[in-house]
C-alpha atoms as a PDB file:
ATOM      1  CA  MET A   1       0.025   0.039  -0.010  1.00  0.00           C
ATOM      2  CA  GLY A   2       2.924   2.450   0.577  1.00  0.00           C
ATOM      3  CA  LEU A   3       4.607   1.931  -2.542  1.00  0.00           C
ATOM      4  CA  LEU A   4       0.967   2.438  -4.254  1.00  0.00           C
ATOM      5  CA  MET A   5       0.518   5.690  -2.468  1.00  0.00           C
ATOM      6  CA  ALA A   6       3.937   6.831  -3.175  1.00  0.00           C
ATOM      7  CA  ILE A   7       3.542   6.480  -6.989  1.00  0.00           C
ATOM      8  CA  VAL A   8       0.339   8.355  -7.081  1.00  0.00           C
ATOM      9  CA  ILE A   9       1.453  11.128  -5.049  1.00  0.00           C
ATOM     10  CA  ALA A  10       4.860  11.364  -7.108  1.00  0.00           C
ATOM     11  CA  VAL A  11       2.849  11.150 -10.538  1.00  0.00           C
ATOM     12  CA  LEU A  12       0.154  13.608  -9.396  1.00  0.00           C
ATOM     13  CA  TRP A  13       1.847  16.526  -7.327  1.00  0.00           C
ATOM     14  CA  LEU A  14       5.533  16.066  -7.334  1.00  0.00           C
ATOM     15  CA  ASP A  15       8.473  17.633  -9.688  1.00  0.00           C
ATOM     16  CA  GLU A  16      11.542  15.796 -10.575  1.00  0.00           C
ATOM     17  CA  PRO A  17      13.829  14.723  -8.421  1.00  0.00           C
ATOM     18  CA  TRP A  18      11.537  14.640  -5.728  1.00  0.00           C
ATOM     19  CA  ASN A  19       8.923  12.197  -7.299  1.00  0.00           C
ATOM     20  CA  TRP A  20      11.776   9.580  -7.777  1.00  0.00           C
ATOM     21  CA  ILE A  21      12.682  10.192  -3.960  1.00  0.00           C
ATOM     22  CA  VAL A  22       9.160   9.487  -2.752  1.00  0.00           C
ATOM     23  CA  ILE A  23       8.842   6.260  -5.037  1.00  0.00           C
ATOM     24  CA  GLY A  24      12.276   4.976  -3.566  1.00  0.00           C
ATOM     25  CA  LEU A  25      10.999   5.741   0.155  1.00  0.00           C
ATOM     26  CA  GLY A  26       7.684   4.140  -0.731  1.00  0.00           C
ATOM     27  CA  ALA A  27       9.632   0.794  -1.930  1.00  0.00           C
ATOM     28  CA  ILE A  28      11.827   0.901   1.055  1.00  0.00           C
ATOM     29  CA  TRP A  29       8.824   1.132   3.204  1.00  0.00           C
ATOM     30  CA  GLU A  30       6.936  -1.685   1.385  1.00  0.00           C
ATOM     31  CA  ILE A  31       9.938  -4.066   1.706  1.00  0.00           C
ATOM     32  CA  ALA A  32      10.009  -3.327   5.565  1.00  0.00           C
ATOM     33  CA  GLU A  33       6.539  -3.812   5.946  1.00  0.00           C
ATOM     34  CA  THR A  34       6.500  -6.994   4.148  1.00  0.00           C
ATOM     35  CA  THR A  35       9.691  -8.351   6.068  1.00  0.00           C
ATOM     36  CA  PHE A  36       8.108  -7.332   9.169  1.00  0.00           C
ATOM     37  CA  PHE A  37       4.844  -9.151   8.640  1.00  0.00           C
ATOM     38  CA  LEU A  38       6.441 -12.283   7.493  1.00  0.00           C
ATOM     39  CA  LYS A  39       8.532 -12.590  10.418  1.00  0.00           C
ATOM     40  CA  TRP A  40       5.634 -11.826  12.754  1.00  0.00           C
ATOM     41  CA  SER A  41       3.561 -14.480  11.071  1.00  0.00           C
ATOM     42  CA  GLN A  42       5.978 -17.072  11.883  1.00  0.00           C
ATOM     43  CA  ARG A  43       6.865 -16.388  15.436  1.00  0.00           C
ATOM     44  CA  ARG A  44       5.159 -19.678  16.705  1.00  0.00           C
ATOM     45  CA  ARG A  45       5.516 -23.355  16.143  1.00  0.00           C
ATOM     46  CA  ALA A  46       2.662 -24.884  14.152  1.00  0.00           C
ATOM     47  CA  THR A  47      -0.303 -25.875  16.538  1.00  0.00           C
ATOM     48  CA  VAL A  48      -2.027 -28.202  14.037  1.00  0.00           C
ATOM     49  CA  GLY A  49      -0.988 -31.420  12.220  1.00  0.00           C
ATOM     50  CA  ALA A  50       0.496 -34.481  13.229  1.00  0.00           C
ATOM     51  CA  GLU A  51       4.002 -32.789  13.609  1.00  0.00           C
ATOM     52  CA  THR A  52       2.636 -31.299  17.010  1.00  0.00           C
ATOM     53  CA  LEU A  53       2.071 -34.949  18.609  1.00  0.00           C
ATOM     54  CA  VAL A  54       5.915 -35.309  18.740  1.00  0.00           C
ATOM     55  CA  GLY A  55       6.997 -35.167  22.655  1.00  0.00           C
ATOM     56  CA  GLN A  56       3.564 -35.875  23.897  1.00  0.00           C
ATOM     57  CA  ARG A  57       2.363 -38.865  26.021  1.00  0.00           C
ATOM     58  CA  ALA A  58      -0.038 -41.351  24.648  1.00  0.00           C
ATOM     59  CA  ILE A  59      -1.697 -44.760  26.067  1.00  0.00           C
ATOM     60  CA  VAL A  60      -1.324 -48.080  24.449  1.00  0.00           C
ATOM     61  CA  THR A  61      -4.654 -49.418  23.103  1.00  0.00           C
ATOM     62  CA  THR A  62      -3.505 -52.230  21.161  1.00  0.00           C
ATOM     63  CA  ASP A  63      -0.038 -54.073  21.891  1.00  0.00           C
ATOM     64  CA  CYS A  64       2.752 -52.548  20.109  1.00  0.00           C
ATOM     65  CA  MET A  65       4.823 -55.575  19.201  1.00  0.00           C
ATOM     66  CA  PRO A  66       6.361 -53.680  17.470  1.00  0.00           C
ATOM     67  CA  ASP A  67       2.978 -52.232  15.756  1.00  0.00           C
ATOM     68  CA  GLY A  68      -0.209 -51.345  17.198  1.00  0.00           C
ATOM     69  CA  GLN A  69      -2.527 -48.386  18.305  1.00  0.00           C
ATOM     70  CA  VAL A  70      -2.236 -45.534  20.805  1.00  0.00           C
ATOM     71  CA  ARG A  71      -4.667 -43.130  21.877  1.00  0.00           C
ATOM     72  CA  ILE A  72      -3.674 -39.487  22.187  1.00  0.00           C
ATOM     73  CA  GLY A  73      -5.739 -36.486  22.475  1.00  0.00           C
ATOM     74  CA  GLY A  74      -9.088 -38.468  22.194  1.00  0.00           C
ATOM     75  CA  GLU A  75      -7.858 -39.891  18.733  1.00  0.00           C
ATOM     76  CA  LEU A  76      -6.434 -43.515  17.777  1.00  0.00           C
ATOM     77  CA  TRP A  77      -3.408 -43.636  15.993  1.00  0.00           C
ATOM     78  CA  GLY A  78      -1.234 -46.507  14.368  1.00  0.00           C
ATOM     79  CA  ALA A  79       1.943 -46.681  16.354  1.00  0.00           C
ATOM     80  CA  HIS A  80       5.315 -48.699  16.093  1.00  0.00           C
ATOM     81  CA  CYS A  81       7.454 -49.268  19.118  1.00  0.00           C
ATOM     82  CA  ARG A  82      10.704 -50.757  18.523  1.00  0.00           C
ATOM     83  CA  GLY A  83      10.940 -51.811  22.366  1.00  0.00           C
ATOM     84  CA  GLY A  84       7.226 -53.083  22.487  1.00  0.00           C
ATOM     85  CA  ALA A  85       4.580 -52.026  24.817  1.00  0.00           C
ATOM     86  CA  ALA A  86       1.504 -53.514  26.179  1.00  0.00           C
ATOM     87  CA  VAL A  87      -2.175 -52.389  26.283  1.00  0.00           C
ATOM     88  CA  GLY A  88      -2.305 -49.476  28.919  1.00  0.00           C
ATOM     89  CA  ASP A  89       1.368 -48.367  28.954  1.00  0.00           C
ATOM     90  CA  ALA A  90       2.282 -44.746  28.721  1.00  0.00           C
ATOM     91  CA  VAL A  91       4.445 -44.110  25.726  1.00  0.00           C
ATOM     92  CA  ILE A  92       6.116 -40.883  24.400  1.00  0.00           C
ATOM     93  CA  VAL A  93       5.787 -39.968  20.739  1.00  0.00           C
ATOM     94  CA  ARG A  94       9.316 -39.487  19.247  1.00  0.00           C
ATOM     95  CA  GLU A  95       8.346 -38.973  15.560  1.00  0.00           C
ATOM     96  CA  VAL A  96       5.588 -39.116  12.900  1.00  0.00           C
ATOM     97  CA  ASP A  97       6.219 -41.481  10.075  1.00  0.00           C
ATOM     98  CA  GLY A  98       3.262 -40.736   7.646  1.00  0.00           C
ATOM     99  CA  LEU A  99       0.280 -41.444   9.619  1.00  0.00           C
ATOM    100  CA  THR A 100       2.151 -43.805  12.065  1.00  0.00           C
ATOM    101  CA  LEU A 101       3.443 -42.533  15.262  1.00  0.00           C
ATOM    102  CA  VAL A 102       6.996 -43.843  16.398  1.00  0.00           C
ATOM    103  CA  VAL A 103       6.958 -44.303  20.162  1.00  0.00           C
ATOM    104  CA  GLU A 104       8.961 -45.590  23.170  1.00  0.00           C
ATOM    105  CA  PRO A 105       7.998 -46.733  26.228  1.00  0.00           C
ATOM    106  CA  GLU A 106       7.792 -43.759  28.756  1.00  0.00           C
END
């Protein structure tokens, strides 16, 4: 918006060299504003998606020897546990592999 306003002002009301100066300042303002809002929008980690499950605690609902199911956040997920885990055991999600959670005993 700053660059567009600078161009309008420069074309309609200003003479040389002021029109070029105002357009340059408008461009600098536009770049600074865009950079600020990009940085501001990326200030937090994602709060949705399977990647947010990493590090959370889950409860085994089907024996993971090594594949089974776990319940986390009210949802059932397929799980893979190299060490094995029985029904009712607590596990920690270490990574997400497609739609399967890689877990290890707590």
